[in-house]
Amino acid sequence: MTSLFKNMAWKPSTVSWLSFVLMGLIVAGIGLSGTAHVVNYLQERLIAHDIEHNQEIASALISKLELSVQSNSEDVASILSHAINDYKAFGFRIFVLNFNSQALIVDSERPFTSPVPIKQSWLGHATRLDGSQAAVMQENGAVRALGDDKHPILIWLQEMNMPEPDRWVLGIANDQKTMIDFMGDLHWHLDAVLLLTYILITLLGYYAMRSIGRIYERRLESQVWERTKALEAAHAEVLLKTRLATIGQMASVLTHEMRNPLASIKLALSGLKSSATLDDRENRRVGLVLGEVDRLDGLLSETLDYVSPVNLSAKPVDMDRLLSKVLKQQEPLMKEKGIHLKYDSCTDCTAMRVDKEQIHQVLLNLIKNAIEASPQGSEIGVLLQREEDKLTLKITNVGETLSEEVLQRAFELFFTTKSKGTGLGLGLVKRVVEEHGGTVVLNSDDEIGTRVILTFHISPI
């Protein structure tokens, strides 16, 4: 049995239902027993109140009966019947027992001409309140009996003070059926209300718990999704760093092995081109080869820049001055294309500890890209500003709007839209900026053109 429960797959909804049903059964059991206890307590208090009331009636009536009988003892039954008429109207059943004859001589509910033996009357099966058999003539206090209509009757017996040899007992009784029926109805209604309340509480509790559970599940799913994305990002970063490490090793080997041959080839071709033995066609061909040698050398340099680790400078770097230097270097290219530069420098920028060489290369790549993408005679906007604890650089050009695919893949390694591009420029920008704890964003639309935004956190030096 234990192994069976262990192997069962419990759904959260099943567990919730079972939990609430079990809780409902426990609470209902306790509640129903509590209701029975309350009803029994109320019934006991009402019986005690009726006994006290009967006792008060007996105390008030007994002296009157005693005086009436002592003043005229010829027709006792008639005298007693007349004396109890006033109390009969209030719903009490009043009777008198003769101890000597063991007979019922007066009964307000059943007039008779001669005494009736107690054993043959409705008092013949009287019991004490605890249910034990009672001898009516020997009791003095509260007893129970069933009336002629089988209704439960509560009786108070009290011996009258009569001259010897007479011994009479006065009984005051009231019908308990209405009270008992009322208590039964009260018990039933309380149980029904209690059960209905517990059912509603169970249903509402179940749905409340399920709602809370759903919220908790969604929160867990969100956390799992976030952790998964974080793990995927960490995995991608590990793969990227692995690729960079591999590229770095290959680049170091290639640079060492290829730059010397390339330098020799370039030197030989330069000497050949400067000789007078070549015609124009051969000179063009040699120039083409020299251009390809220079491109290969540039590709090796870019690859080395891409995989070089970030080394923060010991001395803080003035970013505004570094940017101005890069813009100064690119002035000839901008003049060649007739491009107007709108530069908003930063007068309150704090010097930062960065890798000066790599940040210089980042700025150079971005400015060159903006110039190359700008049409003839257009404008490039460069804004460097400080916003609280952040340093923001915005570079905008009004060239052709980039597609959504290009925007999403622009920073991927080896992705490029240029015919002779390497796909390392923007990848270098993203890597260097992020390793400095910053962010890079690329936007492009018809209103502002293409804009790249670099954000660095300014930390105390």
Protein backbone atom coordinates (compact mmCIF):
# COMPACT_ATOMS: atom_id res chain seq x y z
CA MET A 1 0.00 0.00 0.00
CA THR A 2 2.83 2.39 0.87
CA SER A 3 4.58 1.73 -2.42
CA LEU A 4 1.27 2.28 -4.23
CA PHE A 5 0.92 5.78 -2.75
CA LYS A 6 4.54 6.52 -3.51
CA ASN A 7 4.07 5.56 -7.15
CA MET A 8 0.87 7.58 -7.58
CA ALA A 9 1.23 10.86 -9.47
CA TRP A 10 -0.68 13.45 -7.45
CA LYS A 11 -1.82 16.54 -9.34
CA PRO A 12 -1.81 19.87 -7.43
CA SER A 13 -5.59 20.19 -7.96
CA THR A 14 -6.19 16.67 -6.57
CA VAL A 15 -4.07 17.39 -3.50
CA SER A 16 -5.94 20.68 -2.97
CA TRP A 17 -9.34 19.00 -3.25
CA LEU A 18 -8.39 16.17 -0.89
CA SER A 19 -6.93 18.64 1.60
CA PHE A 20 -10.05 20.81 1.63
CA VAL A 21 -12.43 17.82 1.78
CA LEU A 22 -10.47 16.36 4.70
CA MET A 23 -10.40 19.73 6.41
CA GLY A 24 -14.14 20.14 5.74
CA LEU A 25 -14.92 16.73 7.28
CA ILE A 26 -12.85 17.50 10.36
CA VAL A 27 -14.32 20.97 10.81
CA ALA A 28 -17.86 19.75 10.06
CA GLY A 29 -17.49 16.94 12.59
CA ILE A 30 -16.29 19.35 15.24
CA GLY A 31 -18.96 21.90 14.25
CA LEU A 32 -21.84 19.42 14.32
CA SER A 33 -20.82 18.08 17.72
CA GLY A 34 -20.47 21.67 18.89
CA THR A 35 -23.95 22.49 17.58
CA ALA A 36 -25.39 19.47 19.42
CA HIS A 37 -23.66 20.59 22.60
CA VAL A 38 -25.07 24.14 22.24
CA VAL A 39 -28.60 22.87 21.57
CA ASN A 40 -28.43 20.43 24.51
CA TYR A 41 -27.16 23.21 26.75
CA LEU A 42 -30.02 25.51 25.69
CA GLN A 43 -32.54 22.72 26.27
CA GLU A 44 -31.15 22.02 29.73
CA ARG A 45 -31.35 25.71 30.59
CA LEU A 46 -34.95 25.92 29.36
CA ILE A 47 -35.88 22.80 31.38
CA ALA A 48 -34.22 24.32 34.45
CA HIS A 49 -36.17 27.51 33.83
CA ASP A 50 -39.44 25.56 33.48
CA ILE A 51 -38.72 23.69 36.72
CA GLU A 52 -38.13 26.96 38.54
CA HIS A 53 -41.34 28.34 37.07
CA ASN A 54 -43.30 25.25 38.11
CA GLN A 55 -41.80 25.51 41.57
CA GLU A 56 -42.89 29.15 41.83
CA ILE A 57 -46.43 28.22 40.77
CA ALA A 58 -46.49 25.41 43.33
CA SER A 59 -45.30 27.72 46.11
CA ALA A 60 -47.95 30.29 45.22
CA LEU A 61 -50.75 27.74 44.89
CA ILE A 62 -50.05 25.37 47.77
CA SER A 63 -50.92 27.80 50.56
CA LYS A 64 -54.18 28.70 48.85
CA LEU A 65 -55.14 25.05 48.50
CA GLU A 66 -54.23 24.27 52.07
CA LEU A 67 -56.47 27.08 53.41
CA SER A 68 -59.36 26.12 51.13
CA VAL A 69 -59.30 22.47 52.16
CA GLN A 70 -58.92 23.21 55.89
CA SER A 71 -61.89 25.61 55.87
CA ASN A 72 -64.20 23.10 54.16
CA SER A 73 -63.20 19.45 54.12
CA GLU A 74 -66.52 17.96 52.99
CA ASP A 75 -65.96 18.02 49.20
CA VAL A 76 -62.20 18.07 48.72
CA ALA A 77 -62.21 17.32 45.01
CA SER A 78 -64.66 20.15 44.26
CA ILE A 79 -62.72 22.61 46.37
CA LEU A 80 -59.40 21.71 44.73
CA SER A 81 -60.86 21.85 41.23
CA HIS A 82 -62.24 25.28 41.87
CA ALA A 83 -58.94 26.51 43.32
CA ILE A 84 -56.82 25.48 40.33
CA ASN A 85 -59.09 26.87 37.61
CA ASP A 86 -57.30 30.25 37.65
CA TYR A 87 -53.93 28.62 36.90
CA LYS A 88 -55.24 26.24 34.28
CA ALA A 89 -55.79 29.17 31.94
CA PHE A 90 -52.02 29.77 31.83
CA GLY A 91 -51.30 26.36 30.29
CA PHE A 92 -50.28 24.52 33.41
CA ARG A 93 -51.57 21.09 34.28
CA ILE A 94 -52.25 20.96 38.01
CA PHE A 95 -53.08 17.81 39.92
CA VAL A 96 -53.26 16.53 43.51
CA LEU A 97 -52.24 13.06 44.70
CA ASN A 98 -53.46 11.32 47.85
CA PHE A 99 -50.47 9.57 49.44
CA ASN A 100 -52.59 7.31 51.64
CA SER A 101 -54.79 5.96 48.84
CA GLN A 102 -52.01 6.15 46.18
CA ALA A 103 -54.54 7.84 43.90
CA LEU A 104 -54.92 10.83 41.66
CA ILE A 105 -57.81 12.81 43.12
CA VAL A 106 -57.72 16.03 41.07
CA ASP A 107 -56.43 16.67 37.50
CA SER A 108 -57.05 19.97 35.71
CA GLU A 109 -56.94 18.19 32.30
CA ARG A 110 -59.17 15.18 33.13
CA PRO A 111 -62.11 15.76 35.49
CA PHE A 112 -63.37 12.53 37.09
CA THR A 113 -65.88 11.62 39.78
CA SER A 114 -63.75 9.24 41.78
CA PRO A 115 -60.00 8.98 42.47
CA VAL A 116 -57.87 7.14 39.90
CA PRO A 117 -55.05 4.87 41.07
CA ILE A 118 -51.67 6.38 40.16
CA LYS A 119 -50.48 3.22 38.43
CA GLN A 120 -53.46 3.39 36.09
CA SER A 121 -53.05 7.10 35.30
CA TRP A 122 -50.65 8.93 32.98
CA LEU A 123 -48.32 9.23 36.00
CA GLY A 124 -47.84 5.46 36.20
CA HIS A 125 -44.61 5.52 34.17
CA ALA A 126 -43.06 8.71 35.51
CA THR A 127 -39.25 8.89 35.57
CA ARG A 128 -36.64 11.06 37.15
CA LEU A 129 -34.81 13.62 35.01
CA ASP A 130 -31.91 11.18 34.59
CA GLY A 131 -34.30 8.58 33.10
CA SER A 132 -34.54 6.20 36.07
CA GLN A 133 -37.94 4.89 37.25
CA ALA A 134 -39.64 7.11 39.82
CA ALA A 135 -42.21 6.34 42.53
CA VAL A 136 -44.35 9.44 42.27
CA MET A 137 -45.58 9.45 45.86
CA GLN A 138 -42.05 9.17 47.17
CA GLU A 139 -40.64 11.97 45.02
CA ASN A 140 -40.36 15.57 45.97
CA GLY A 141 -39.02 17.63 43.09
CA ALA A 142 -38.82 17.37 39.29
CA VAL A 143 -39.87 14.28 37.34
CA ARG A 144 -40.94 13.46 33.79
CA ALA A 145 -43.96 11.66 32.36
CA LEU A 146 -45.90 11.20 29.13
CA GLY A 147 -49.32 12.81 28.89
CA ASP A 148 -52.45 11.18 27.50
CA ASP A 149 -51.48 12.48 24.02
CA LYS A 150 -47.95 11.04 24.51
CA HIS A 151 -46.47 14.50 24.85
CA PRO A 152 -43.49 14.79 27.21
CA ILE A 153 -44.52 16.47 30.47
CA LEU A 154 -42.22 18.17 32.99
CA ILE A 155 -43.58 17.93 36.56
CA TRP A 156 -42.78 19.55 39.87
CA LEU A 157 -43.99 17.59 42.93
CA GLN A 158 -44.34 19.22 46.34
CA GLU A 159 -45.95 17.76 49.47
CA MET A 160 -48.72 19.83 51.02
CA ASN A 161 -48.84 20.66 54.72
CA MET A 162 -52.02 18.89 55.79
CA PRO A 163 -53.22 17.65 59.21
CA GLU A 164 -52.73 13.98 59.99
CA PRO A 165 -53.54 11.45 58.73
CA ASP A 166 -53.91 13.20 55.30
CA ARG A 167 -50.85 13.35 53.05
CA TRP A 168 -51.33 15.12 49.77
CA VAL A 169 -48.87 15.98 47.04
CA LEU A 170 -49.37 18.93 44.67
CA GLY A 171 -48.08 18.54 41.10
CA ILE A 172 -47.45 21.35 38.59
CA ALA A 173 -46.83 20.12 35.02
CA ASN A 174 -46.29 21.74 31.65
CA ASP A 175 -46.16 20.26 28.18
CA GLN A 176 -42.60 20.13 26.75
CA LYS A 177 -43.48 19.12 23.19
CA THR A 178 -43.40 22.64 21.74
CA MET A 179 -40.05 23.36 23.35
CA ILE A 180 -38.55 20.00 22.28
CA ASP A 181 -39.85 20.43 18.71
CA PHE A 182 -38.41 23.92 18.63
CA MET A 183 -35.03 22.67 19.84
CA GLY A 184 -35.12 19.92 17.20
CA ASP A 185 -35.87 22.47 14.47
CA LEU A 186 -33.15 24.75 15.85
CA HIS A 187 -30.67 21.86 15.81
CA TRP A 188 -31.57 20.99 12.22
CA HIS A 189 -31.34 24.60 11.03
CA LEU A 190 -28.04 25.17 12.80
CA ASP A 191 -26.62 21.98 11.25
CA ALA A 192 -27.87 22.99 7.79
CA VAL A 193 -26.42 26.51 8.08
CA LEU A 194 -23.20 25.10 9.48
CA LEU A 195 -22.81 22.53 6.68
CA LEU A 196 -23.67 25.09 4.02
CA THR A 197 -21.16 27.50 5.52
CA TYR A 198 -18.45 24.84 5.57
CA ILE A 199 -19.22 23.86 1.96
CA LEU A 200 -18.97 27.51 0.87
CA ILE A 201 -15.79 27.99 2.89
CA THR A 202 -14.34 24.83 1.35
CA LEU A 203 -15.21 25.90 -2.20
CA LEU A 204 -14.08 29.48 -1.72
CA GLY A 205 -10.96 28.30 0.09
CA TYR A 206 -10.20 25.83 -2.69
CA TYR A 207 -10.56 28.41 -5.43
CA ALA A 208 -8.67 30.99 -3.38
CA MET A 209 -5.85 28.54 -2.80
CA ARG A 210 -5.88 27.52 -6.46
CA SER A 211 -5.74 31.20 -7.45
CA ILE A 212 -2.86 31.78 -5.07
CA GLY A 213 -1.27 28.59 -6.37
CA ARG A 214 -1.69 29.77 -9.96
CA ILE A 215 -0.11 33.11 -9.10
CA TYR A 216 2.72 31.30 -7.35
CA GLU A 217 3.10 28.91 -10.30
CA ARG A 218 3.21 31.80 -12.75
CA ARG A 219 5.77 33.52 -10.55
CA LEU A 220 7.83 30.34 -10.45
CA GLU A 221 7.46 29.93 -14.20
CA SER A 222 8.58 33.52 -14.66
CA GLN A 223 11.56 32.93 -12.39
CA VAL A 224 12.38 29.69 -14.21
CA TRP A 225 12.08 31.51 -17.53
CA GLU A 226 14.33 34.31 -16.28
CA ARG A 227 16.85 31.81 -14.90
CA THR A 228 16.71 29.88 -18.18
CA LYS A 229 17.33 33.04 -20.18
CA ALA A 230 20.15 33.95 -17.81
CA LEU A 231 21.65 30.48 -18.21
CA GLU A 232 21.27 30.73 -21.98
CA ALA A 233 22.92 34.15 -21.93
CA ALA A 234 25.70 32.82 -19.69
CA HIS A 235 26.08 29.81 -21.99
CA ALA A 236 26.21 32.09 -25.03
CA GLU A 237 28.77 34.27 -23.25
CA VAL A 238 30.88 31.22 -22.42
CA LEU A 239 30.67 30.09 -26.06
CA LEU A 240 31.57 33.58 -27.23
CA LYS A 241 34.52 33.77 -24.90
CA THR A 242 35.59 30.31 -26.02
CA ARG A 243 35.35 31.40 -29.63
CA LEU A 244 37.23 34.59 -28.82
CA ALA A 245 39.92 32.61 -27.06
CA THR A 246 40.19 30.30 -30.05
CA ILE A 247 40.21 33.23 -32.45
CA GLY A 248 42.79 34.96 -30.26
CA GLN A 249 45.08 31.96 -30.35
CA MET A 250 44.63 31.59 -34.10
CA ALA A 251 45.06 35.32 -34.65
CA SER A 252 48.29 35.36 -32.67
CA VAL A 253 49.65 32.43 -34.70
CA LEU A 254 48.40 33.86 -38.00
CA THR A 255 49.75 37.29 -37.24
CA HIS A 256 53.13 35.91 -36.34
CA GLU A 257 53.23 33.53 -39.31
CA MET A 258 51.64 35.78 -41.94
CA ARG A 259 52.84 39.31 -41.22
CA ASN A 260 56.47 38.61 -42.01
CA PRO A 261 55.64 36.97 -45.39
CA LEU A 262 53.13 39.77 -46.11
CA ALA A 263 55.76 42.38 -45.30
CA SER A 264 58.21 40.64 -47.64
CA ILE A 265 55.59 40.42 -50.39
CA LYS A 266 54.65 44.07 -49.92
CA LEU A 267 58.29 45.15 -50.01
CA ALA A 268 59.00 43.14 -53.15
CA LEU A 269 55.86 44.38 -54.92
CA SER A 270 56.59 47.98 -53.94
CA GLY A 271 60.07 47.67 -55.42
CA LEU A 272 58.69 46.03 -58.55
CA LYS A 273 56.04 48.73 -58.97
CA SER A 274 58.61 51.52 -58.69
CA SER A 275 60.77 50.00 -61.43
CA ALA A 276 60.52 51.36 -64.96
CA THR A 277 60.25 47.97 -66.63
CA LEU A 278 56.47 47.57 -66.06
CA ASP A 279 53.85 48.93 -68.38
CA ASP A 280 50.60 50.53 -67.17
CA ARG A 281 48.62 47.29 -67.23
CA GLU A 282 51.19 45.46 -65.12
CA ASN A 283 51.44 48.42 -62.74
CA ARG A 284 47.68 48.24 -62.15
CA ARG A 285 47.92 44.55 -61.45
CA VAL A 286 50.76 45.06 -58.97
CA GLY A 287 48.77 47.85 -57.30
CA LEU A 288 45.78 45.56 -56.99
CA VAL A 289 47.91 42.91 -55.29
CA LEU A 290 49.39 45.52 -52.93
CA GLY A 291 45.85 46.59 -52.00
CA GLU A 292 44.92 43.02 -51.15
CA VAL A 293 48.08 42.68 -49.05
CA ASP A 294 47.08 45.83 -47.13
CA ARG A 295 43.54 44.43 -46.66
CA LEU A 296 44.90 41.19 -45.26
CA ASP A 297 47.14 43.14 -42.90
CA GLY A 298 44.12 45.22 -41.78
CA LEU A 299 42.05 42.08 -41.23
CA LEU A 300 44.78 40.66 -39.00
CA SER A 301 44.91 43.94 -37.05
CA GLU A 302 41.10 44.00 -36.59
CA THR A 303 41.09 40.40 -35.43
CA LEU A 304 43.78 41.14 -32.86
CA ASP A 305 41.85 44.20 -31.68
CA TYR A 306 38.67 42.10 -31.32
CA VAL A 307 40.22 39.45 -29.11
CA SER A 308 42.50 41.70 -27.07
CA PRO A 309 41.49 41.76 -23.38
CA VAL A 310 40.35 44.98 -21.72
CA ASN A 311 43.09 46.59 -19.61
CA LEU A 312 41.99 49.62 -17.64
CA SER A 313 44.44 52.46 -17.75
CA ALA A 314 46.14 53.50 -14.53
CA LYS A 315 45.47 57.14 -15.36
CA PRO A 316 41.85 58.38 -15.81
CA VAL A 317 40.94 59.17 -19.42
CA ASP A 318 39.12 62.34 -20.48
CA MET A 319 36.46 60.94 -22.81
CA ASP A 320 35.66 64.34 -24.34
CA ARG A 321 39.29 64.88 -25.28
CA LEU A 322 39.61 61.33 -26.65
CA LEU A 323 36.47 61.80 -28.76
CA SER A 324 37.72 65.16 -30.07
CA LYS A 325 40.97 63.47 -31.09
CA VAL A 326 39.12 60.79 -33.07
CA LEU A 327 36.91 63.39 -34.79
CA LYS A 328 40.03 65.40 -35.70
CA GLN A 329 41.54 62.32 -37.31
CA GLN A 330 38.44 61.82 -39.47
CA GLU A 331 38.12 65.45 -40.65
CA PRO A 332 39.81 64.78 -44.02
CA LEU A 333 37.36 61.97 -44.83
CA MET A 334 34.39 64.15 -43.82
CA LYS A 335 35.64 67.04 -45.96
CA GLU A 336 36.07 64.68 -48.89
CA LYS A 337 32.36 63.72 -48.69
CA GLY A 338 31.22 67.25 -47.81
CA ILE A 339 29.79 66.06 -44.48
CA HIS A 340 28.96 68.63 -41.81
CA LEU A 341 29.80 67.65 -38.22
CA LYS A 342 27.56 68.83 -35.38
CA TYR A 343 29.46 68.09 -32.20
CA ASP A 344 28.13 68.86 -28.71
CA SER A 345 31.04 68.36 -26.35
CA CYS A 346 30.75 67.58 -22.65
CA THR A 347 32.12 70.27 -20.37
CA ASP A 348 31.32 68.55 -17.06
CA CYS A 349 32.32 64.97 -17.92
CA THR A 350 34.36 63.19 -15.28
CA ALA A 351 37.53 61.39 -16.36
CA MET A 352 37.10 57.61 -16.29
CA ARG A 353 39.37 54.61 -15.96
CA VAL A 354 38.99 52.74 -19.27
CA ASP A 355 41.12 50.85 -21.77
CA LYS A 356 42.19 53.92 -23.72
CA GLU A 357 43.38 52.06 -26.81
CA GLN A 358 40.26 49.94 -27.16
CA ILE A 359 37.87 52.83 -26.45
CA HIS A 360 39.78 54.81 -29.06
CA GLN A 361 39.21 51.97 -31.53
CA VAL A 362 35.49 51.82 -30.58
CA LEU A 363 35.04 55.54 -31.24
CA LEU A 364 37.01 55.29 -34.47
CA ASN A 365 34.86 52.40 -35.75
CA LEU A 366 31.62 54.22 -34.97
CA ILE A 367 32.68 57.52 -36.57
CA LYS A 368 34.01 55.74 -39.68
CA ASN A 369 30.76 53.75 -39.99
CA ALA A 370 28.71 56.95 -39.69
CA ILE A 371 30.81 58.66 -42.38
CA GLU A 372 30.65 55.68 -44.73
CA ALA A 373 26.85 55.38 -44.30
CA SER A 374 26.17 59.12 -44.76
CA PRO A 375 25.26 60.47 -48.20
CA GLN A 376 27.27 63.26 -49.83
CA GLY A 377 26.76 66.66 -48.17
CA SER A 378 24.74 65.34 -45.19
CA GLU A 379 25.25 65.90 -41.45
CA ILE A 380 26.57 63.73 -38.62
CA GLY A 381 25.53 64.51 -35.05
CA VAL A 382 27.79 63.64 -32.11
CA LEU A 383 26.54 64.28 -28.56
CA LEU A 384 28.50 63.50 -25.40
CA GLN A 385 26.73 64.30 -22.14
CA ARG A 386 26.61 63.37 -18.48
CA GLU A 387 23.32 62.27 -16.89
CA GLU A 388 23.78 61.87 -13.11
CA ASP A 389 26.04 58.81 -12.76
CA LYS A 390 26.01 57.93 -16.47
CA LEU A 391 28.02 59.10 -19.47
CA THR A 392 26.10 58.90 -22.77
CA LEU A 393 27.44 59.16 -26.32
CA LYS A 394 25.03 59.48 -29.25
CA ILE A 395 26.24 59.33 -32.87
CA THR A 396 23.59 59.99 -35.55
CA ASN A 397 23.74 59.92 -39.33
CA VAL A 398 20.98 60.33 -41.93
CA GLY A 399 21.93 57.50 -44.24
CA GLU A 400 19.72 54.66 -45.44
CA THR A 401 17.37 53.28 -42.76
CA LEU A 402 18.45 49.86 -41.50
CA SER A 403 16.06 46.91 -41.66
CA GLU A 404 14.87 45.07 -38.56
CA GLU A 405 17.03 42.07 -39.42
CA VAL A 406 20.16 44.22 -39.70
CA LEU A 407 19.37 45.93 -36.37
CA GLN A 408 19.04 42.56 -34.64
CA ARG A 409 22.21 41.07 -36.16
CA ALA A 410 24.41 44.16 -36.37
CA PHE A 411 26.57 43.16 -33.39
CA GLU A 412 26.97 39.51 -34.39
CA LEU A 413 30.46 38.29 -35.04
CA PHE A 414 31.38 38.37 -38.79
CA PHE A 415 28.00 39.86 -39.80
CA THR A 416 28.36 42.75 -42.25
CA THR A 417 26.46 44.47 -45.08
CA LYS A 418 29.62 45.89 -46.66
CA SER A 419 31.08 44.17 -49.70
CA LYS A 420 34.60 44.26 -48.22
CA GLY A 421 33.71 44.35 -44.53
CA THR A 422 34.99 41.88 -41.95
CA GLY A 423 32.00 41.93 -39.56
CA LEU A 424 34.28 42.65 -36.61
CA GLY A 425 33.78 46.43 -36.17
CA LEU A 426 30.43 46.58 -34.31
CA GLY A 427 31.22 43.29 -32.60
CA LEU A 428 34.33 44.95 -31.16
CA VAL A 429 32.23 47.95 -30.09
CA LYS A 430 29.72 45.77 -28.21
CA ARG A 431 32.35 43.60 -26.53
CA VAL A 432 34.52 46.49 -25.34
CA VAL A 433 31.59 48.62 -24.12
CA GLU A 434 29.99 45.72 -22.22
CA GLU A 435 33.30 44.69 -20.66
CA HIS A 436 33.50 48.28 -19.36
CA GLY A 437 30.07 47.72 -17.73
CA GLY A 438 28.23 49.83 -20.32
CA THR A 439 25.52 49.25 -22.91
CA VAL A 440 25.23 49.86 -26.65
CA VAL A 441 21.96 50.38 -28.54
CA LEU A 442 21.38 50.78 -32.27
CA ASN A 443 18.23 52.50 -33.59
CA SER A 444 17.16 53.39 -37.10
CA ASP A 445 14.04 55.07 -38.48
CA ASP A 446 12.97 57.60 -41.08
CA GLU A 447 12.74 60.52 -38.63
CA ILE A 448 16.13 60.50 -36.89
CA GLY A 449 18.10 58.26 -39.25
CA THR A 450 20.51 55.74 -37.73
CA ARG A 451 21.71 56.35 -34.18
CA VAL A 452 24.05 54.38 -31.93
CA ILE A 453 23.96 55.12 -28.20
CA LEU A 454 26.76 54.18 -25.82
CA THR A 455 26.15 54.39 -22.06
CA PHE A 456 28.88 54.08 -19.41
CA HIS A 457 28.40 54.07 -15.63
CA ILE A 458 30.58 56.64 -13.93
CA SER A 459 32.18 55.07 -10.86
CA PRO A 460 34.39 56.83 -8.30
CA ILE A 461 38.05 56.83 -9.31
